C-alpha cells in the first residue's frame, strides 16, 4: 500500500520517535503488565510516557486505553537491520496490515500507528518483533476495540 506523502511522513516521524524502542524500562502502575516481547494481536494497552518501553499495562478493550495491537511482524534477519531499514519496514508493514484489522484505509482513518521495534540491546536478548498498535490521532482514549471498527 502506498500512503500519501504527508501521512507516510507522519508515520515515519512516529516510528522515529520510538527509535529507542524497547531498550529501557518504564515504571508502570501495578496491574496487568505485559512484556513488549510477548505482545499479542488484539491486546489493548496503556502507552507509557517516554520512548524506551519494555512493558505495557494491558487492559480490557472496553476500559479506557491508549492503543490496540493490530499486527506483529516477526523479523527473520540474522543480524539487526540498520535503524533506517527498521523504520521503513515498520512503517510499510504496519500501514499494509492496518486496513485488514481496522476496516478502513490508514490514510482515511481517525487512528494513527504507534510502532515498537528491536534495538541493539533488545536484539541481543532475542527480540525479533515489530509491534504495530493503533492509537487515536487526537490522543484521546479508546473505549472499545478498533478491530473492524472502520475508525
N, C-alpha and C. Protein backbone atom coordinates (compact mmCIF):
# COMPACT_ATOMS: atom_id res chain seq x y z
N UNK A 1 0.85 -1.17 0.00
CA UNK A 1 0.00 0.00 0.00
C UNK A 1 0.89 1.22 0.00
N UNK A 2 0.54 2.18 -0.75
CA UNK A 2 1.31 3.42 -0.80
C UNK A 2 0.50 4.53 -0.14
N UNK A 3 1.09 5.15 0.89
CA UNK A 3 0.41 6.21 1.60
C UNK A 3 0.73 7.55 0.97
N UNK A 4 -0.20 8.51 1.06
CA UNK A 4 0.13 9.85 0.61
C UNK A 4 1.35 10.35 1.39
N UNK A 5 2.15 11.19 0.78
CA UNK A 5 3.40 11.62 1.39
C UNK A 5 3.21 12.21 2.78
N UNK A 6 2.27 13.14 3.02
CA UNK A 6 2.16 13.71 4.36
C UNK A 6 1.87 12.65 5.43
N UNK A 7 0.98 11.72 5.13
CA UNK A 7 0.64 10.69 6.11
C UNK A 7 1.81 9.74 6.31
N UNK A 8 2.52 9.38 5.22
CA UNK A 8 3.67 8.50 5.34
C UNK A 8 4.77 9.18 6.15
N UNK A 9 4.98 10.48 5.93
CA UNK A 9 5.98 11.21 6.71
C UNK A 9 5.60 11.25 8.18
N UNK A 10 4.32 11.42 8.46
CA UNK A 10 3.86 11.42 9.84
C UNK A 10 4.12 10.06 10.48
N UNK A 11 3.86 8.99 9.73
CA UNK A 11 4.12 7.65 10.24
C UNK A 11 5.61 7.46 10.47
N UNK A 12 6.43 7.91 9.55
CA UNK A 12 7.88 7.80 9.71
C UNK A 12 8.33 8.57 10.94
N UNK A 13 7.75 9.72 11.18
CA UNK A 13 8.11 10.51 12.36
C UNK A 13 7.70 9.78 13.64
N UNK A 14 6.52 9.15 13.62
CA UNK A 14 6.08 8.40 14.79
C UNK A 14 7.01 7.22 15.06
N UNK A 15 7.39 6.53 14.02
CA UNK A 15 8.31 5.41 14.17
C UNK A 15 9.66 5.92 14.65
N UNK A 16 10.12 7.03 14.11
CA UNK A 16 11.41 7.59 14.52
C UNK A 16 11.39 7.99 15.99
N UNK A 17 10.27 8.48 16.47
CA UNK A 17 10.16 8.85 17.87
C UNK A 17 10.39 7.65 18.76
N UNK A 18 10.04 6.49 18.27
CA UNK A 18 10.21 5.28 19.06
C UNK A 18 11.51 4.57 18.76
N UNK A 19 12.45 5.26 18.18
CA UNK A 19 13.72 4.63 17.81
C UNK A 19 14.39 3.98 19.00
N UNK A 20 14.21 4.54 20.18
CA UNK A 20 14.75 3.91 21.39
C UNK A 20 14.06 2.61 21.67
N UNK A 21 12.88 2.47 21.09
CA UNK A 21 12.14 1.22 21.11
C UNK A 21 12.01 0.60 22.48
N UNK A 22 12.52 -0.58 22.60
CA UNK A 22 12.28 -1.39 23.77
C UNK A 22 13.51 -1.55 24.64
N UNK A 23 14.48 -0.67 24.55
CA UNK A 23 15.75 -0.91 25.22
C UNK A 23 15.78 -0.49 26.68
N UNK A 24 14.84 0.31 27.12
CA UNK A 24 14.88 0.75 28.50
C UNK A 24 13.70 0.22 29.27
N UNK A 25 13.53 0.72 30.47
CA UNK A 25 12.42 0.28 31.31
C UNK A 25 11.51 1.46 31.58
N UNK A 26 10.23 1.18 31.74
CA UNK A 26 9.28 2.20 32.14
C UNK A 26 8.66 1.79 33.46
N UNK A 27 8.43 2.75 34.32
CA UNK A 27 7.74 2.47 35.56
C UNK A 27 6.26 2.54 35.26
N UNK A 28 5.57 1.44 35.49
CA UNK A 28 4.14 1.37 35.21
C UNK A 28 3.40 1.12 36.50
N UNK A 29 2.14 1.55 36.58
CA UNK A 29 1.36 1.23 37.75
C UNK A 29 1.18 -0.28 37.86
N UNK A 30 0.95 -0.74 39.08
CA UNK A 30 0.69 -2.16 39.25
C UNK A 30 -0.55 -2.52 38.46
N UNK A 31 -0.57 -3.69 37.92
CA UNK A 31 -1.70 -4.12 37.11
C UNK A 31 -1.26 -5.23 36.19
N UNK A 32 -1.92 -5.39 35.09
CA UNK A 32 -1.58 -6.42 34.13
C UNK A 32 -0.49 -5.91 33.22
N UNK A 33 0.74 -6.14 33.60
CA UNK A 33 1.87 -5.70 32.79
C UNK A 33 2.29 -6.81 31.85
N UNK A 34 2.50 -6.47 30.61
CA UNK A 34 2.91 -7.42 29.59
C UNK A 34 4.22 -6.96 28.99
N UNK A 35 5.15 -7.89 28.91
CA UNK A 35 6.43 -7.58 28.28
C UNK A 35 6.20 -7.18 26.84
N UNK A 36 6.95 -6.21 26.39
CA UNK A 36 6.86 -5.79 24.99
C UNK A 36 7.27 -6.93 24.07
N UNK A 37 7.97 -7.93 24.60
CA UNK A 37 8.41 -9.06 23.80
C UNK A 37 7.34 -10.14 23.66
N UNK A 38 6.23 -10.01 24.40
CA UNK A 38 5.19 -11.04 24.36
C UNK A 38 3.82 -10.46 24.03
N UNK A 39 3.79 -9.37 23.32
CA UNK A 39 2.53 -8.74 22.94
C UNK A 39 1.77 -9.65 21.99
N UNK A 40 0.44 -9.52 21.98
CA UNK A 40 -0.41 -10.31 21.09
C UNK A 40 -1.39 -9.39 20.37
N UNK A 41 -1.72 -9.76 19.15
CA UNK A 41 -2.72 -9.02 18.39
C UNK A 41 -4.03 -9.04 19.17
N UNK A 42 -4.67 -7.88 19.26
CA UNK A 42 -5.93 -7.74 19.98
C UNK A 42 -5.77 -7.23 21.39
N UNK A 43 -4.54 -7.17 21.91
CA UNK A 43 -4.34 -6.63 23.25
C UNK A 43 -4.54 -5.12 23.25
N UNK A 44 -5.23 -4.63 24.28
CA UNK A 44 -5.40 -3.20 24.46
C UNK A 44 -4.48 -2.78 25.60
N UNK A 45 -3.80 -1.65 25.40
CA UNK A 45 -2.73 -1.26 26.31
C UNK A 45 -2.76 0.23 26.62
N UNK A 46 -2.12 0.56 27.74
CA UNK A 46 -1.78 1.93 28.08
C UNK A 46 -0.36 2.13 27.59
N UNK A 47 -0.10 3.22 26.90
CA UNK A 47 1.24 3.50 26.40
C UNK A 47 1.95 4.37 27.43
N UNK A 48 3.05 3.87 28.00
CA UNK A 48 3.77 4.66 29.00
C UNK A 48 4.45 5.87 28.37
N UNK A 49 4.72 6.86 29.20
CA UNK A 49 5.47 8.04 28.74
C UNK A 49 6.89 7.62 28.40
N UNK A 50 7.51 8.37 27.52
CA UNK A 50 8.90 8.10 27.15
C UNK A 50 8.99 7.32 25.86
N UNK A 51 10.21 7.19 25.37
CA UNK A 51 10.40 6.48 24.11
C UNK A 51 11.15 5.17 24.28
N UNK A 52 11.38 4.77 25.51
CA UNK A 52 12.04 3.49 25.78
C UNK A 52 11.10 2.67 26.65
N UNK A 53 10.53 1.65 26.06
CA UNK A 53 9.46 0.90 26.70
C UNK A 53 9.81 -0.58 26.72
N UNK A 54 9.65 -1.21 27.88
CA UNK A 54 9.86 -2.65 27.94
C UNK A 54 8.60 -3.39 28.38
N UNK A 55 7.65 -2.68 28.98
CA UNK A 55 6.40 -3.30 29.43
C UNK A 55 5.24 -2.36 29.14
N UNK A 56 4.09 -2.96 28.87
CA UNK A 56 2.86 -2.21 28.65
C UNK A 56 1.83 -2.69 29.66
N UNK A 57 1.07 -1.76 30.22
CA UNK A 57 -0.05 -2.14 31.06
C UNK A 57 -1.19 -2.54 30.14
N UNK A 58 -1.66 -3.77 30.27
CA UNK A 58 -2.77 -4.24 29.44
C UNK A 58 -4.09 -4.02 30.18
N UNK A 59 -5.14 -3.89 29.40
CA UNK A 59 -6.46 -3.66 29.97
C UNK A 59 -7.50 -4.30 29.06
N UNK A 60 -8.69 -4.45 29.56
CA UNK A 60 -9.80 -4.89 28.72
C UNK A 60 -10.05 -3.80 27.67
N UNK A 61 -10.42 -4.19 26.50
CA UNK A 61 -10.65 -3.20 25.43
C UNK A 61 -11.89 -2.35 25.69
N UNK A 62 -12.75 -2.76 26.61
CA UNK A 62 -13.93 -1.97 26.96
C UNK A 62 -13.60 -0.90 28.00
N UNK A 63 -12.41 -0.97 28.59
CA UNK A 63 -11.94 0.06 29.52
C UNK A 63 -11.14 1.10 28.73
N UNK A 64 -10.97 2.29 29.28
CA UNK A 64 -10.17 3.30 28.59
C UNK A 64 -8.75 2.78 28.37
N UNK A 65 -8.26 3.00 27.16
CA UNK A 65 -6.89 2.58 26.83
C UNK A 65 -6.34 3.47 25.73
N UNK A 66 -5.02 3.41 25.57
CA UNK A 66 -4.34 4.27 24.59
C UNK A 66 -4.22 3.66 23.22
N UNK A 67 -4.08 2.33 23.15
CA UNK A 67 -3.76 1.70 21.87
C UNK A 67 -4.18 0.24 21.87
N UNK A 68 -4.25 -0.33 20.66
CA UNK A 68 -4.55 -1.75 20.49
C UNK A 68 -3.56 -2.34 19.49
N UNK A 69 -3.00 -3.49 19.86
CA UNK A 69 -2.06 -4.18 18.97
C UNK A 69 -2.86 -4.76 17.81
N UNK A 70 -2.48 -4.41 16.57
CA UNK A 70 -3.21 -4.93 15.41
C UNK A 70 -2.35 -5.78 14.49
N UNK A 71 -1.05 -5.80 14.68
CA UNK A 71 -0.18 -6.61 13.81
C UNK A 71 1.16 -6.78 14.49
N UNK A 72 1.74 -7.96 14.33
CA UNK A 72 3.09 -8.22 14.81
C UNK A 72 3.87 -8.86 13.67
N UNK A 73 4.95 -8.23 13.33
CA UNK A 73 5.84 -8.72 12.27
C UNK A 73 7.03 -9.39 12.93
N UNK A 74 7.28 -10.64 12.57
CA UNK A 74 8.45 -11.37 13.06
C UNK A 74 9.60 -11.15 12.08
N UNK A 75 10.68 -10.58 12.56
CA UNK A 75 11.85 -10.35 11.72
C UNK A 75 12.65 -11.65 11.61
N UNK A 76 13.12 -11.95 10.42
CA UNK A 76 13.87 -13.19 10.19
C UNK A 76 15.34 -12.92 9.87
N UNK A 77 15.75 -11.66 9.94
CA UNK A 77 17.13 -11.30 9.64
C UNK A 77 18.08 -11.98 10.63
N UNK A 78 19.27 -12.33 10.17
CA UNK A 78 20.26 -12.94 11.07
C UNK A 78 20.94 -11.88 11.93
N UNK A 79 20.99 -10.65 11.45
CA UNK A 79 21.55 -9.54 12.21
C UNK A 79 20.56 -8.39 12.24
N UNK A 80 20.67 -7.55 13.26
CA UNK A 80 19.79 -6.40 13.38
C UNK A 80 19.95 -5.49 12.16
N UNK A 81 18.87 -5.26 11.43
CA UNK A 81 18.96 -4.34 10.28
C UNK A 81 19.30 -2.92 10.75
N UNK A 82 19.85 -2.10 9.87
CA UNK A 82 20.10 -0.69 10.22
C UNK A 82 18.78 -0.03 10.65
N UNK A 83 18.89 0.94 11.54
CA UNK A 83 17.70 1.60 12.07
C UNK A 83 16.82 2.18 10.97
N UNK A 84 17.43 2.76 9.95
CA UNK A 84 16.64 3.34 8.85
C UNK A 84 15.83 2.26 8.15
N UNK A 85 16.40 1.07 7.98
CA UNK A 85 15.68 -0.04 7.37
C UNK A 85 14.54 -0.51 8.27
N UNK A 86 14.79 -0.57 9.58
CA UNK A 86 13.74 -0.97 10.52
C UNK A 86 12.58 0.01 10.49
N UNK A 87 12.89 1.30 10.48
CA UNK A 87 11.83 2.32 10.43
C UNK A 87 10.99 2.17 9.17
N UNK A 88 11.65 1.97 8.05
CA UNK A 88 10.93 1.83 6.78
C UNK A 88 10.08 0.56 6.79
N UNK A 89 10.67 -0.54 7.23
CA UNK A 89 9.95 -1.82 7.26
C UNK A 89 8.76 -1.72 8.22
N UNK A 90 8.97 -1.14 9.40
CA UNK A 90 7.89 -0.99 10.37
C UNK A 90 6.77 -0.14 9.79
N UNK A 91 7.12 0.99 9.20
CA UNK A 91 6.11 1.87 8.61
C UNK A 91 5.31 1.19 7.52
N UNK A 92 6.00 0.51 6.61
CA UNK A 92 5.33 -0.15 5.49
C UNK A 92 4.48 -1.33 5.94
N UNK A 93 5.05 -2.21 6.78
CA UNK A 93 4.33 -3.41 7.22
C UNK A 93 3.09 -3.05 8.04
N UNK A 94 3.25 -2.10 8.95
CA UNK A 94 2.12 -1.71 9.78
C UNK A 94 1.02 -1.04 8.95
N UNK A 95 1.42 -0.15 8.04
CA UNK A 95 0.43 0.51 7.18
C UNK A 95 -0.29 -0.51 6.31
N UNK A 96 0.45 -1.51 5.81
CA UNK A 96 -0.17 -2.53 4.96
C UNK A 96 -1.16 -3.40 5.73
N UNK A 97 -0.90 -3.66 7.01
CA UNK A 97 -1.78 -4.52 7.82
C UNK A 97 -2.96 -3.75 8.41
N UNK A 98 -2.91 -2.45 8.39
CA UNK A 98 -3.88 -1.59 9.06
C UNK A 98 -5.32 -1.84 8.59
N UNK A 99 -5.56 -1.74 7.30
CA UNK A 99 -6.92 -1.83 6.78
C UNK A 99 -7.56 -3.19 7.06
N UNK A 100 -6.78 -4.25 6.98
CA UNK A 100 -7.31 -5.59 7.23
C UNK A 100 -7.82 -5.77 8.65
N UNK A 101 -7.25 -5.07 9.60
CA UNK A 101 -7.66 -5.20 11.00
C UNK A 101 -8.70 -4.14 11.37
N UNK A 102 -8.48 -2.91 10.96
CA UNK A 102 -9.34 -1.79 11.36
C UNK A 102 -10.60 -1.72 10.50
N UNK A 103 -10.46 -2.02 9.21
CA UNK A 103 -11.62 -1.97 8.32
C UNK A 103 -11.71 -0.70 7.50
N UNK A 104 -10.71 0.13 7.57
CA UNK A 104 -10.64 1.33 6.74
C UNK A 104 -9.18 1.58 6.39
N UNK A 105 -8.96 2.26 5.30
CA UNK A 105 -7.59 2.56 4.88
C UNK A 105 -6.93 3.51 5.87
N UNK A 106 -5.65 3.33 6.09
CA UNK A 106 -4.90 4.15 7.04
C UNK A 106 -5.04 5.64 6.75
N UNK A 107 -4.91 6.02 5.49
CA UNK A 107 -4.95 7.45 5.16
C UNK A 107 -6.34 8.06 5.35
N UNK A 108 -7.37 7.25 5.51
CA UNK A 108 -8.74 7.74 5.73
C UNK A 108 -9.19 7.56 7.18
N UNK A 109 -8.32 7.05 8.01
CA UNK A 109 -8.67 6.68 9.38
C UNK A 109 -8.50 7.82 10.37
N UNK A 110 -9.22 7.73 11.48
CA UNK A 110 -9.03 8.66 12.59
C UNK A 110 -8.01 8.11 13.59
N UNK A 111 -7.36 7.01 13.19
CA UNK A 111 -6.35 6.38 14.03
C UNK A 111 -4.97 6.58 13.42
N UNK A 112 -3.98 6.52 14.29
CA UNK A 112 -2.59 6.60 13.86
C UNK A 112 -1.91 5.29 14.24
N UNK A 113 -0.67 5.14 13.85
CA UNK A 113 0.09 3.93 14.13
C UNK A 113 1.23 4.24 15.08
N UNK A 114 1.29 3.48 16.17
CA UNK A 114 2.36 3.54 17.16
C UNK A 114 3.13 2.24 16.99
N UNK A 115 4.43 2.32 16.80
CA UNK A 115 5.22 1.14 16.47
C UNK A 115 6.42 0.99 17.39
N UNK A 116 6.68 -0.23 17.81
CA UNK A 116 7.92 -0.53 18.52
C UNK A 116 8.67 -1.58 17.71
N UNK A 117 9.98 -1.52 17.80
CA UNK A 117 10.81 -2.49 17.08
C UNK A 117 12.11 -2.67 17.84
N UNK A 118 12.87 -3.73 17.54
CA UNK A 118 14.08 -4.03 18.30
C UNK A 118 15.15 -2.95 18.20
N UNK A 119 15.92 -2.86 19.26
CA UNK A 119 17.13 -2.04 19.28
C UNK A 119 18.31 -2.99 19.40
N UNK A 120 19.49 -2.47 19.36
CA UNK A 120 20.69 -3.29 19.51
C UNK A 120 20.64 -4.09 20.82
N UNK A 121 20.22 -3.43 21.88
CA UNK A 121 20.16 -4.08 23.19
C UNK A 121 19.13 -5.20 23.22
N UNK A 122 17.92 -4.93 22.70
CA UNK A 122 16.87 -5.95 22.76
C UNK A 122 17.11 -7.06 21.75
N UNK A 123 17.74 -6.74 20.63
CA UNK A 123 18.07 -7.77 19.63
C UNK A 123 18.99 -8.81 20.26
N UNK A 124 19.93 -8.35 21.08
CA UNK A 124 20.90 -9.24 21.72
C UNK A 124 20.25 -10.23 22.67
N UNK A 125 19.05 -9.90 23.16
CA UNK A 125 18.36 -10.83 24.06
C UNK A 125 17.17 -11.52 23.38
N UNK A 126 17.15 -11.47 22.05
CA UNK A 126 16.18 -12.26 21.30
C UNK A 126 14.96 -11.55 20.76
N UNK A 127 14.87 -10.25 20.91
CA UNK A 127 13.71 -9.51 20.40
C UNK A 127 13.77 -9.48 18.88
N UNK A 128 12.74 -10.00 18.23
CA UNK A 128 12.68 -10.04 16.77
C UNK A 128 11.33 -9.56 16.25
N UNK A 129 10.61 -8.75 17.04
CA UNK A 129 9.26 -8.35 16.65
C UNK A 129 9.11 -6.85 16.44
N UNK A 130 8.37 -6.52 15.40
CA UNK A 130 7.87 -5.17 15.19
C UNK A 130 6.40 -5.24 15.62
N UNK A 131 6.03 -4.43 16.60
CA UNK A 131 4.67 -4.42 17.12
C UNK A 131 3.96 -3.17 16.61
N UNK A 132 2.83 -3.38 15.95
CA UNK A 132 2.04 -2.28 15.37
C UNK A 132 0.79 -2.08 16.23
N UNK A 133 0.59 -0.86 16.70
CA UNK A 133 -0.56 -0.53 17.53
C UNK A 133 -1.32 0.64 16.93
N UNK A 134 -2.64 0.60 17.04
CA UNK A 134 -3.49 1.70 16.59
C UNK A 134 -3.82 2.58 17.79
N UNK A 135 -3.72 3.88 17.58
CA UNK A 135 -3.99 4.85 18.63
C UNK A 135 -4.70 6.06 18.00
N UNK A 136 -5.59 6.73 18.72
CA UNK A 136 -6.31 7.86 18.13
C UNK A 136 -5.38 9.00 17.70
N UNK A 137 -5.65 9.55 16.52
CA UNK A 137 -4.87 10.69 16.03
C UNK A 137 -4.93 11.87 16.99
N UNK A 138 -6.07 12.06 17.66
CA UNK A 138 -6.24 13.21 18.55
C UNK A 138 -5.76 12.93 19.98
N UNK A 139 -5.13 11.78 20.20
CA UNK A 139 -4.57 11.38 21.50
C UNK A 139 -5.64 11.17 22.57
N UNK A 140 -6.88 10.99 22.16
CA UNK A 140 -7.94 10.68 23.12
C UNK A 140 -7.80 9.21 23.53
N UNK A 141 -8.64 8.79 24.46
CA UNK A 141 -8.65 7.40 24.90
C UNK A 141 -9.63 6.60 24.06
N UNK A 142 -9.31 5.35 23.84
CA UNK A 142 -10.23 4.41 23.21
C UNK A 142 -11.05 3.74 24.31
N UNK A 143 -12.29 3.33 23.99
CA UNK A 143 -13.13 2.65 24.97
C UNK A 143 -13.73 1.37 24.40
N UNK A 144 -13.24 0.96 23.25
CA UNK A 144 -13.66 -0.30 22.65
C UNK A 144 -12.56 -0.75 21.70
N UNK A 145 -12.69 -1.97 21.23
CA UNK A 145 -11.71 -2.49 20.28
C UNK A 145 -11.81 -1.73 18.96
N UNK A 146 -10.67 -1.58 18.30
CA UNK A 146 -10.66 -0.95 16.98
C UNK A 146 -10.82 -1.97 15.86
N UNK A 147 -10.81 -3.26 16.20
CA UNK A 147 -10.93 -4.30 15.18
C UNK A 147 -12.25 -4.15 14.44
N UNK A 148 -12.17 -4.08 13.13
CA UNK A 148 -13.34 -3.95 12.25
C UNK A 148 -14.21 -2.74 12.60
N UNK A 149 -13.64 -1.73 13.23
CA UNK A 149 -14.41 -0.56 13.66
C UNK A 149 -14.61 0.46 12.54
N UNK A 150 -13.76 0.42 11.52
CA UNK A 150 -13.84 1.40 10.45
C UNK A 150 -13.42 2.80 10.88
N UNK A 151 -12.81 2.90 12.05
CA UNK A 151 -12.40 4.22 12.58
C UNK A 151 -11.34 4.88 11.71
